[in-house]
N, C-alpha and C. Protein backbone atom coordinates (compact mmCIF):
# COMPACT_ATOMS: atom_id res chain seq x y z
N MET A 1 8.37 1.19 -31.28
CA MET A 1 7.92 1.41 -29.92
C MET A 1 8.22 0.17 -29.09
N ASP A 2 8.64 0.43 -27.87
CA ASP A 2 8.88 -0.63 -26.90
C ASP A 2 7.94 -0.44 -25.73
N ASP A 3 7.57 -1.54 -25.09
CA ASP A 3 6.75 -1.45 -23.89
C ASP A 3 7.64 -1.32 -22.67
N LEU A 4 7.21 -0.47 -21.75
CA LEU A 4 7.85 -0.33 -20.44
C LEU A 4 6.78 -0.59 -19.39
N VAL A 5 7.20 -1.12 -18.27
CA VAL A 5 6.31 -1.34 -17.13
C VAL A 5 6.75 -0.38 -16.04
N LEU A 6 5.79 0.39 -15.53
CA LEU A 6 6.07 1.38 -14.49
C LEU A 6 5.32 1.01 -13.23
N THR A 7 5.96 1.19 -12.09
CA THR A 7 5.26 1.13 -10.82
C THR A 7 5.33 2.53 -10.22
N VAL A 8 4.23 2.93 -9.63
CA VAL A 8 4.09 4.28 -9.09
C VAL A 8 3.58 4.17 -7.67
N ILE A 9 4.17 4.93 -6.75
CA ILE A 9 3.63 5.02 -5.39
C ILE A 9 3.86 6.42 -4.87
N ALA A 10 2.84 6.94 -4.20
CA ALA A 10 2.91 8.29 -3.64
C ALA A 10 1.81 8.44 -2.60
N GLU A 11 1.97 9.41 -1.74
CA GLU A 11 0.88 9.76 -0.85
C GLU A 11 -0.28 10.20 -1.73
N ASP A 12 -1.47 9.71 -1.44
CA ASP A 12 -2.61 10.00 -2.29
C ASP A 12 -2.86 11.51 -2.37
N GLN A 13 -3.07 12.00 -3.60
CA GLN A 13 -3.31 13.42 -3.84
C GLN A 13 -3.97 13.60 -5.19
N PRO A 14 -4.83 14.60 -5.32
CA PRO A 14 -5.44 14.86 -6.63
C PRO A 14 -4.37 15.22 -7.65
N GLY A 15 -4.56 14.75 -8.88
CA GLY A 15 -3.65 15.10 -9.97
C GLY A 15 -2.43 14.22 -10.12
N LEU A 16 -2.27 13.26 -9.25
CA LEU A 16 -1.10 12.38 -9.29
C LEU A 16 -1.02 11.61 -10.62
N VAL A 17 -2.10 10.97 -11.01
CA VAL A 17 -2.11 10.18 -12.26
C VAL A 17 -1.92 11.12 -13.45
N GLU A 18 -2.49 12.30 -13.39
CA GLU A 18 -2.35 13.26 -14.48
C GLU A 18 -0.89 13.64 -14.70
N ARG A 19 -0.13 13.81 -13.62
CA ARG A 19 1.29 14.16 -13.76
C ARG A 19 2.09 13.04 -14.42
N VAL A 20 1.79 11.80 -14.05
CA VAL A 20 2.46 10.66 -14.68
C VAL A 20 2.05 10.57 -16.15
N ALA A 21 0.75 10.71 -16.42
CA ALA A 21 0.25 10.63 -17.79
C ALA A 21 0.85 11.74 -18.66
N LYS A 22 1.03 12.92 -18.09
CA LYS A 22 1.63 14.04 -18.83
C LYS A 22 3.06 13.70 -19.26
N CYS A 23 3.85 13.15 -18.34
CA CYS A 23 5.23 12.75 -18.69
C CYS A 23 5.23 11.76 -19.84
N ILE A 24 4.36 10.77 -19.76
CA ILE A 24 4.29 9.73 -20.80
C ILE A 24 3.93 10.36 -22.13
N SER A 25 2.90 11.17 -22.13
CA SER A 25 2.43 11.82 -23.36
C SER A 25 3.49 12.73 -23.97
N GLU A 26 4.17 13.52 -23.13
CA GLU A 26 5.19 14.45 -23.62
C GLU A 26 6.38 13.75 -24.27
N HIS A 27 6.53 12.47 -23.99
CA HIS A 27 7.64 11.70 -24.58
C HIS A 27 7.15 10.72 -25.66
N GLY A 28 5.94 11.00 -26.18
CA GLY A 28 5.41 10.19 -27.29
C GLY A 28 4.91 8.83 -26.87
N GLY A 29 4.69 8.64 -25.57
CA GLY A 29 4.25 7.34 -25.08
C GLY A 29 2.75 7.16 -25.15
N ASN A 30 2.34 5.92 -25.16
CA ASN A 30 0.93 5.55 -25.19
C ASN A 30 0.63 4.69 -23.97
N TRP A 31 -0.31 5.11 -23.15
CA TRP A 31 -0.74 4.39 -21.95
C TRP A 31 -1.57 3.20 -22.40
N LEU A 32 -1.11 1.96 -22.16
CA LEU A 32 -1.77 0.77 -22.67
C LEU A 32 -2.69 0.10 -21.66
N GLU A 33 -2.21 -0.12 -20.47
CA GLU A 33 -3.02 -0.78 -19.45
C GLU A 33 -2.49 -0.43 -18.08
N SER A 34 -3.37 -0.52 -17.06
CA SER A 34 -2.93 -0.18 -15.71
C SER A 34 -3.85 -0.81 -14.67
N ARG A 35 -3.32 -0.93 -13.49
CA ARG A 35 -4.06 -1.32 -12.28
C ARG A 35 -3.60 -0.35 -11.20
N MET A 36 -4.53 0.38 -10.62
CA MET A 36 -4.17 1.41 -9.65
C MET A 36 -5.18 1.41 -8.52
N SER A 37 -4.70 1.80 -7.33
CA SER A 37 -5.58 1.79 -6.18
C SER A 37 -5.03 2.67 -5.06
N ARG A 38 -5.94 3.20 -4.26
CA ARG A 38 -5.57 3.92 -3.05
C ARG A 38 -5.70 2.96 -1.88
N MET A 39 -4.69 2.96 -1.02
CA MET A 39 -4.70 2.06 0.12
C MET A 39 -3.91 2.69 1.25
N ALA A 40 -4.54 2.79 2.42
CA ALA A 40 -3.89 3.30 3.63
C ALA A 40 -3.23 4.66 3.40
N GLY A 41 -3.92 5.53 2.67
CA GLY A 41 -3.41 6.87 2.43
C GLY A 41 -2.36 6.97 1.33
N GLN A 42 -2.00 5.85 0.75
CA GLN A 42 -1.03 5.82 -0.35
C GLN A 42 -1.77 5.46 -1.63
N PHE A 43 -1.21 5.90 -2.74
CA PHE A 43 -1.74 5.54 -4.05
C PHE A 43 -0.65 4.73 -4.73
N ALA A 44 -1.02 3.56 -5.24
CA ALA A 44 -0.04 2.70 -5.90
C ALA A 44 -0.62 2.20 -7.21
N GLY A 45 0.26 2.04 -8.18
CA GLY A 45 -0.20 1.54 -9.45
C GLY A 45 0.91 0.88 -10.23
N ILE A 46 0.49 0.08 -11.17
CA ILE A 46 1.40 -0.53 -12.13
C ILE A 46 0.77 -0.30 -13.49
N LEU A 47 1.60 0.07 -14.47
CA LEU A 47 1.08 0.33 -15.79
C LEU A 47 2.07 -0.06 -16.86
N ARG A 48 1.52 -0.30 -18.05
CA ARG A 48 2.33 -0.63 -19.21
C ARG A 48 2.11 0.47 -20.24
N VAL A 49 3.23 0.98 -20.74
CA VAL A 49 3.19 2.03 -21.75
C VAL A 49 4.04 1.62 -22.94
N ALA A 50 3.66 2.10 -24.12
CA ALA A 50 4.47 1.92 -25.33
C ALA A 50 5.15 3.26 -25.58
N VAL A 51 6.48 3.22 -25.73
CA VAL A 51 7.27 4.44 -25.88
C VAL A 51 8.29 4.24 -27.00
N PRO A 52 8.47 5.26 -27.87
CA PRO A 52 9.52 5.14 -28.88
C PRO A 52 10.88 4.91 -28.20
N THR A 53 11.67 4.03 -28.75
CA THR A 53 12.97 3.69 -28.17
C THR A 53 13.81 4.93 -27.91
N ALA A 54 13.80 5.86 -28.84
CA ALA A 54 14.61 7.08 -28.69
C ALA A 54 14.16 7.95 -27.53
N ALA A 55 12.93 7.74 -27.03
CA ALA A 55 12.41 8.57 -25.95
C ALA A 55 12.57 7.94 -24.57
N HIS A 56 13.08 6.72 -24.48
CA HIS A 56 13.21 6.03 -23.19
C HIS A 56 13.95 6.87 -22.16
N ALA A 57 15.15 7.31 -22.49
CA ALA A 57 15.99 8.02 -21.51
C ALA A 57 15.30 9.29 -21.01
N GLY A 58 14.71 10.06 -21.92
CA GLY A 58 14.03 11.28 -21.52
C GLY A 58 12.82 11.01 -20.65
N LEU A 59 12.05 9.98 -20.99
CA LEU A 59 10.89 9.63 -20.19
C LEU A 59 11.31 9.19 -18.80
N ILE A 60 12.30 8.34 -18.73
CA ILE A 60 12.76 7.85 -17.43
C ILE A 60 13.25 9.01 -16.56
N GLU A 61 13.99 9.92 -17.16
CA GLU A 61 14.47 11.10 -16.42
C GLU A 61 13.29 11.94 -15.92
N ALA A 62 12.30 12.17 -16.77
CA ALA A 62 11.12 12.96 -16.38
C ALA A 62 10.33 12.27 -15.27
N LEU A 63 10.18 10.96 -15.37
CA LEU A 63 9.45 10.23 -14.33
C LEU A 63 10.19 10.27 -13.00
N HIS A 64 11.52 10.12 -13.04
CA HIS A 64 12.30 10.18 -11.80
C HIS A 64 12.28 11.58 -11.20
N ALA A 65 12.12 12.62 -12.03
CA ALA A 65 12.03 13.99 -11.53
C ALA A 65 10.74 14.20 -10.72
N LEU A 66 9.74 13.34 -10.91
CA LEU A 66 8.52 13.44 -10.12
C LEU A 66 8.76 13.17 -8.64
N GLN A 67 9.91 12.58 -8.32
CA GLN A 67 10.27 12.32 -6.92
C GLN A 67 10.23 13.62 -6.11
N ALA A 68 10.58 14.75 -6.72
CA ALA A 68 10.55 16.04 -6.03
C ALA A 68 9.13 16.40 -5.59
N GLN A 69 8.12 15.80 -6.24
CA GLN A 69 6.72 16.03 -5.88
C GLN A 69 6.18 14.88 -5.03
N GLY A 70 7.06 14.00 -4.57
CA GLY A 70 6.65 12.88 -3.72
C GLY A 70 6.14 11.68 -4.47
N ILE A 71 6.35 11.64 -5.79
CA ILE A 71 5.87 10.52 -6.61
C ILE A 71 7.06 9.66 -7.00
N ARG A 72 7.11 8.44 -6.50
CA ARG A 72 8.20 7.53 -6.84
C ARG A 72 7.76 6.63 -7.98
N VAL A 73 8.61 6.54 -8.99
CA VAL A 73 8.31 5.72 -10.17
C VAL A 73 9.51 4.81 -10.44
N VAL A 74 9.24 3.54 -10.60
CA VAL A 74 10.26 2.56 -10.99
C VAL A 74 9.90 2.09 -12.39
N VAL A 75 10.90 2.06 -13.27
CA VAL A 75 10.68 1.70 -14.67
C VAL A 75 11.43 0.41 -14.97
N ALA A 76 10.77 -0.50 -15.69
CA ALA A 76 11.40 -1.75 -16.11
C ALA A 76 10.98 -2.05 -17.55
N PRO A 77 11.87 -2.66 -18.33
CA PRO A 77 11.46 -3.08 -19.68
C PRO A 77 10.44 -4.22 -19.55
N SER A 78 9.56 -4.33 -20.54
CA SER A 78 8.60 -5.43 -20.50
C SER A 78 9.37 -6.74 -20.65
N GLY A 79 8.82 -7.80 -20.10
CA GLY A 79 9.46 -9.11 -20.17
C GLY A 79 8.82 -9.97 -21.24
N ALA A 80 9.47 -11.06 -21.53
CA ALA A 80 8.94 -12.02 -22.50
C ALA A 80 7.83 -12.83 -21.84
N GLU A 81 6.78 -13.07 -22.57
CA GLU A 81 5.69 -13.90 -22.08
C GLU A 81 6.14 -15.36 -22.09
N PRO A 82 5.82 -16.12 -21.03
CA PRO A 82 6.19 -17.54 -21.01
C PRO A 82 5.52 -18.29 -22.16
N GLU A 83 6.26 -19.20 -22.75
CA GLU A 83 5.73 -19.99 -23.86
C GLU A 83 5.22 -21.31 -23.33
N ARG A 84 4.01 -21.27 -22.79
CA ARG A 84 3.35 -22.45 -22.26
C ARG A 84 1.89 -22.38 -22.63
N SER A 85 1.24 -23.49 -22.51
CA SER A 85 -0.20 -23.52 -22.71
C SER A 85 -0.87 -23.44 -21.34
N TRP A 86 -1.70 -22.41 -21.15
CA TRP A 86 -2.32 -22.15 -19.85
C TRP A 86 -3.84 -22.23 -19.95
N ARG A 87 -4.45 -22.59 -18.83
CA ARG A 87 -5.90 -22.45 -18.64
C ARG A 87 -6.08 -21.38 -17.58
N MET A 88 -7.00 -20.45 -17.82
CA MET A 88 -7.24 -19.39 -16.85
C MET A 88 -8.34 -19.84 -15.90
N ILE A 89 -8.01 -19.76 -14.61
CA ILE A 89 -8.92 -20.22 -13.56
C ILE A 89 -9.09 -19.10 -12.53
N GLN A 90 -10.32 -18.91 -12.08
CA GLN A 90 -10.62 -17.93 -11.03
C GLN A 90 -10.66 -18.66 -9.69
N LEU A 91 -9.95 -18.12 -8.70
CA LEU A 91 -9.94 -18.67 -7.35
C LEU A 91 -10.59 -17.65 -6.43
N GLN A 92 -11.56 -18.10 -5.64
CA GLN A 92 -12.17 -17.27 -4.61
C GLN A 92 -11.96 -17.97 -3.28
N LEU A 93 -11.59 -17.19 -2.27
CA LEU A 93 -11.27 -17.76 -0.97
C LEU A 93 -11.81 -16.84 0.12
N VAL A 94 -12.41 -17.44 1.15
CA VAL A 94 -12.91 -16.70 2.31
C VAL A 94 -12.60 -17.54 3.54
N GLY A 95 -12.10 -16.88 4.59
CA GLY A 95 -11.84 -17.58 5.85
C GLY A 95 -11.50 -16.62 6.95
N ASN A 96 -11.48 -17.13 8.16
CA ASN A 96 -11.08 -16.29 9.29
C ASN A 96 -9.67 -15.77 9.03
N ASP A 97 -9.49 -14.48 9.30
CA ASP A 97 -8.19 -13.87 9.04
C ASP A 97 -7.15 -14.44 9.99
N ARG A 98 -5.99 -14.72 9.43
CA ARG A 98 -4.84 -15.16 10.23
C ARG A 98 -3.58 -14.96 9.41
N THR A 99 -2.48 -14.86 10.08
CA THR A 99 -1.20 -14.69 9.42
C THR A 99 -0.86 -15.92 8.57
N GLY A 100 -0.35 -15.69 7.36
CA GLY A 100 0.20 -16.77 6.55
C GLY A 100 -0.72 -17.34 5.49
N ILE A 101 -1.96 -16.87 5.37
CA ILE A 101 -2.86 -17.44 4.36
C ILE A 101 -2.29 -17.25 2.95
N VAL A 102 -1.88 -16.03 2.62
CA VAL A 102 -1.36 -15.76 1.28
C VAL A 102 -0.09 -16.57 1.04
N ARG A 103 0.79 -16.61 2.03
CA ARG A 103 2.04 -17.38 1.89
C ARG A 103 1.74 -18.85 1.59
N ASP A 104 0.82 -19.44 2.34
CA ASP A 104 0.54 -20.87 2.19
C ASP A 104 -0.12 -21.20 0.85
N ILE A 105 -1.08 -20.37 0.44
CA ILE A 105 -1.76 -20.61 -0.84
C ILE A 105 -0.79 -20.43 -2.01
N THR A 106 -0.02 -19.34 -1.99
CA THR A 106 0.89 -19.08 -3.11
C THR A 106 2.03 -20.09 -3.16
N ARG A 107 2.45 -20.59 -2.03
CA ARG A 107 3.48 -21.64 -2.03
C ARG A 107 2.96 -22.89 -2.71
N LEU A 108 1.72 -23.27 -2.41
CA LEU A 108 1.13 -24.46 -3.04
C LEU A 108 0.98 -24.23 -4.54
N LEU A 109 0.48 -23.06 -4.93
CA LEU A 109 0.30 -22.78 -6.36
C LEU A 109 1.64 -22.83 -7.09
N ALA A 110 2.66 -22.17 -6.54
CA ALA A 110 3.98 -22.15 -7.18
C ALA A 110 4.56 -23.55 -7.30
N SER A 111 4.34 -24.39 -6.30
CA SER A 111 4.90 -25.75 -6.33
C SER A 111 4.28 -26.58 -7.45
N HIS A 112 3.14 -26.16 -7.97
CA HIS A 112 2.48 -26.86 -9.08
C HIS A 112 2.61 -26.11 -10.40
N GLY A 113 3.48 -25.09 -10.43
CA GLY A 113 3.73 -24.36 -11.67
C GLY A 113 2.61 -23.41 -12.06
N VAL A 114 1.73 -23.08 -11.11
CA VAL A 114 0.61 -22.18 -11.39
C VAL A 114 1.11 -20.74 -11.25
N ASN A 115 0.80 -19.93 -12.25
CA ASN A 115 1.22 -18.53 -12.25
C ASN A 115 0.07 -17.66 -11.74
N LEU A 116 0.38 -16.76 -10.83
CA LEU A 116 -0.61 -15.83 -10.28
C LEU A 116 -0.68 -14.62 -11.20
N GLU A 117 -1.78 -14.48 -11.94
CA GLU A 117 -1.95 -13.38 -12.88
C GLU A 117 -2.41 -12.11 -12.18
N SER A 118 -3.32 -12.25 -11.22
CA SER A 118 -3.76 -11.11 -10.43
C SER A 118 -4.26 -11.61 -9.09
N LEU A 119 -4.21 -10.73 -8.10
CA LEU A 119 -4.64 -11.07 -6.75
C LEU A 119 -5.23 -9.84 -6.08
N ASP A 120 -6.46 -9.96 -5.61
CA ASP A 120 -7.12 -8.91 -4.84
C ASP A 120 -7.51 -9.50 -3.49
N THR A 121 -7.14 -8.82 -2.41
CA THR A 121 -7.46 -9.31 -1.07
C THR A 121 -8.06 -8.19 -0.23
N ASP A 122 -8.81 -8.58 0.77
CA ASP A 122 -9.39 -7.67 1.75
C ASP A 122 -9.59 -8.40 3.05
N VAL A 123 -9.59 -7.67 4.13
CA VAL A 123 -10.00 -8.19 5.42
C VAL A 123 -11.16 -7.33 5.87
N LEU A 124 -12.34 -7.98 6.03
CA LEU A 124 -13.56 -7.26 6.36
C LEU A 124 -14.27 -7.95 7.52
N PRO A 125 -15.05 -7.20 8.31
CA PRO A 125 -15.80 -7.84 9.40
C PRO A 125 -16.95 -8.68 8.84
N ALA A 126 -17.17 -9.83 9.46
CA ALA A 126 -18.29 -10.69 9.08
C ALA A 126 -19.59 -9.98 9.42
N PRO A 127 -20.64 -10.19 8.62
CA PRO A 127 -21.89 -9.45 8.82
C PRO A 127 -22.51 -9.58 10.22
N MET A 128 -22.57 -10.77 10.76
CA MET A 128 -23.27 -10.96 12.04
C MET A 128 -22.35 -10.88 13.25
N THR A 129 -21.10 -11.33 13.10
CA THR A 129 -20.23 -11.45 14.27
C THR A 129 -19.16 -10.37 14.36
N ASN A 130 -18.95 -9.64 13.29
CA ASN A 130 -17.85 -8.67 13.21
C ASN A 130 -16.48 -9.32 13.31
N GLU A 131 -16.42 -10.65 13.28
CA GLU A 131 -15.14 -11.36 13.24
C GLU A 131 -14.49 -11.04 11.89
N LEU A 132 -13.17 -10.82 11.89
CA LEU A 132 -12.48 -10.45 10.66
C LEU A 132 -12.35 -11.65 9.73
N LEU A 133 -12.79 -11.44 8.48
CA LEU A 133 -12.70 -12.47 7.45
C LEU A 133 -11.76 -12.01 6.36
N PHE A 134 -10.90 -12.92 5.94
CA PHE A 134 -9.97 -12.68 4.83
C PHE A 134 -10.67 -13.10 3.55
N HIS A 135 -10.70 -12.21 2.55
CA HIS A 135 -11.28 -12.48 1.24
C HIS A 135 -10.18 -12.36 0.20
N ALA A 136 -10.13 -13.29 -0.73
CA ALA A 136 -9.17 -13.21 -1.83
C ALA A 136 -9.83 -13.66 -3.11
N GLU A 137 -9.50 -12.94 -4.19
CA GLU A 137 -9.88 -13.35 -5.53
C GLU A 137 -8.61 -13.32 -6.36
N ALA A 138 -8.36 -14.40 -7.06
CA ALA A 138 -7.13 -14.49 -7.86
C ALA A 138 -7.47 -15.05 -9.23
N LEU A 139 -6.72 -14.57 -10.20
CA LEU A 139 -6.76 -15.15 -11.53
C LEU A 139 -5.50 -15.97 -11.68
N LEU A 140 -5.67 -17.25 -11.97
CA LEU A 140 -4.55 -18.18 -12.03
C LEU A 140 -4.35 -18.67 -13.46
N ALA A 141 -3.10 -18.75 -13.88
CA ALA A 141 -2.73 -19.39 -15.14
C ALA A 141 -2.23 -20.78 -14.78
N VAL A 142 -3.04 -21.77 -15.08
CA VAL A 142 -2.75 -23.15 -14.70
C VAL A 142 -2.16 -23.87 -15.91
N PRO A 143 -0.98 -24.51 -15.75
CA PRO A 143 -0.39 -25.24 -16.88
C PRO A 143 -1.36 -26.29 -17.42
N ALA A 144 -1.43 -26.39 -18.74
CA ALA A 144 -2.38 -27.31 -19.38
C ALA A 144 -2.16 -28.75 -18.92
N GLU A 145 -0.91 -29.09 -18.59
CA GLU A 145 -0.63 -30.47 -18.20
C GLU A 145 -1.04 -30.79 -16.77
N LEU A 146 -1.43 -29.77 -15.98
CA LEU A 146 -1.86 -29.99 -14.60
C LEU A 146 -3.36 -30.25 -14.58
N SER A 147 -3.74 -31.40 -14.08
CA SER A 147 -5.16 -31.75 -13.96
C SER A 147 -5.83 -30.80 -12.97
N LEU A 148 -6.98 -30.26 -13.38
CA LEU A 148 -7.72 -29.38 -12.47
C LEU A 148 -8.21 -30.15 -11.24
N ASP A 149 -8.52 -31.43 -11.42
CA ASP A 149 -8.92 -32.25 -10.28
C ASP A 149 -7.78 -32.35 -9.27
N GLU A 150 -6.56 -32.53 -9.77
CA GLU A 150 -5.39 -32.63 -8.89
C GLU A 150 -5.17 -31.30 -8.15
N LEU A 151 -5.24 -30.20 -8.87
CA LEU A 151 -5.07 -28.89 -8.24
C LEU A 151 -6.16 -28.66 -7.20
N GLN A 152 -7.40 -28.98 -7.55
CA GLN A 152 -8.53 -28.81 -6.62
C GLN A 152 -8.29 -29.63 -5.35
N GLU A 153 -7.83 -30.86 -5.51
CA GLU A 153 -7.58 -31.73 -4.36
C GLU A 153 -6.52 -31.14 -3.43
N HIS A 154 -5.41 -30.66 -4.01
CA HIS A 154 -4.35 -30.06 -3.19
C HIS A 154 -4.84 -28.79 -2.49
N LEU A 155 -5.58 -27.97 -3.21
CA LEU A 155 -6.10 -26.74 -2.61
C LEU A 155 -7.12 -27.03 -1.51
N GLU A 156 -7.97 -28.04 -1.72
CA GLU A 156 -8.96 -28.38 -0.69
C GLU A 156 -8.30 -28.91 0.57
N THR A 157 -7.23 -29.69 0.42
CA THR A 157 -6.49 -30.16 1.59
C THR A 157 -5.91 -28.98 2.36
N LEU A 158 -5.32 -28.04 1.64
CA LEU A 158 -4.78 -26.84 2.28
C LEU A 158 -5.89 -26.00 2.89
N ALA A 159 -7.00 -25.87 2.19
CA ALA A 159 -8.13 -25.08 2.69
C ALA A 159 -8.63 -25.65 4.01
N ASP A 160 -8.68 -26.98 4.11
CA ASP A 160 -9.08 -27.61 5.37
C ASP A 160 -8.11 -27.25 6.48
N ASP A 161 -6.81 -27.28 6.18
CA ASP A 161 -5.79 -26.94 7.18
C ASP A 161 -5.89 -25.47 7.60
N LEU A 162 -6.18 -24.60 6.63
CA LEU A 162 -6.27 -23.16 6.90
C LEU A 162 -7.63 -22.75 7.43
N MET A 163 -8.61 -23.66 7.34
CA MET A 163 -9.99 -23.38 7.73
C MET A 163 -10.56 -22.22 6.90
N VAL A 164 -10.44 -22.37 5.59
CA VAL A 164 -11.00 -21.39 4.65
C VAL A 164 -11.86 -22.14 3.64
N GLU A 165 -12.76 -21.41 3.01
CA GLU A 165 -13.56 -21.95 1.92
C GLU A 165 -12.98 -21.43 0.63
N LEU A 166 -12.87 -22.30 -0.37
CA LEU A 166 -12.37 -21.83 -1.65
C LEU A 166 -13.18 -22.41 -2.78
N LYS A 167 -13.15 -21.67 -3.88
CA LYS A 167 -13.89 -22.06 -5.07
C LYS A 167 -13.01 -21.81 -6.28
N LEU A 168 -12.91 -22.81 -7.15
CA LEU A 168 -12.20 -22.69 -8.43
C LEU A 168 -13.23 -22.78 -9.55
N GLN A 169 -13.06 -21.92 -10.55
CA GLN A 169 -13.94 -22.00 -11.72
C GLN A 169 -13.22 -21.43 -12.91
N PRO A 170 -13.60 -21.87 -14.11
CA PRO A 170 -12.97 -21.27 -15.30
C PRO A 170 -13.19 -19.76 -15.29
N ALA A 171 -12.16 -19.03 -15.67
CA ALA A 171 -12.24 -17.57 -15.65
C ALA A 171 -12.97 -17.07 -16.87
N ASP A 172 -13.79 -16.07 -16.67
CA ASP A 172 -14.45 -15.38 -17.76
C ASP A 172 -13.50 -14.28 -18.21
N ARG A 173 -12.82 -14.46 -19.31
CA ARG A 173 -11.80 -13.50 -19.78
C ARG A 173 -12.40 -12.18 -20.22
N ASN A 174 -13.71 -12.10 -20.35
CA ASN A 174 -14.35 -10.84 -20.75
C ASN A 174 -14.80 -10.00 -19.58
N ALA A 175 -14.70 -10.55 -18.38
CA ALA A 175 -15.17 -9.81 -17.20
C ALA A 175 -14.17 -8.78 -16.75
């Protein structure tokens, strides 16, 4: 069995995930993990499946045939995991919404070799003022050789420039 990574996007509709799951199952595949969400009337997801090598072509053909039902699926082979020693760190950020926050934070993280494992963002009205606030939670893989104090210092300098509050803490891998 080989792992494949699938991305799925379609106009949100009941039964969408079931149709994808049916294709995987009919080709001997095993659904291993996924992240899926509805956003702005669209449903998007990414998932990892284990599929017998001999079934790859048939599965890919069946998934692409879902396009006739408005379900777009992109298939990629799984990649090799980086061979580094990482510390998992949780980043929480809140600030007034403005263009470029994600770009600026991710540029700083990338420049220090930090890998973004997951990212969840929202823009919500503040409780008292209804001013729009940008919220982000990220799971970061920080290279073991990078001092957390150094990363914290760089992020705090950027946070001051962006006028956001941020918090770094060791990630709870069981959450």
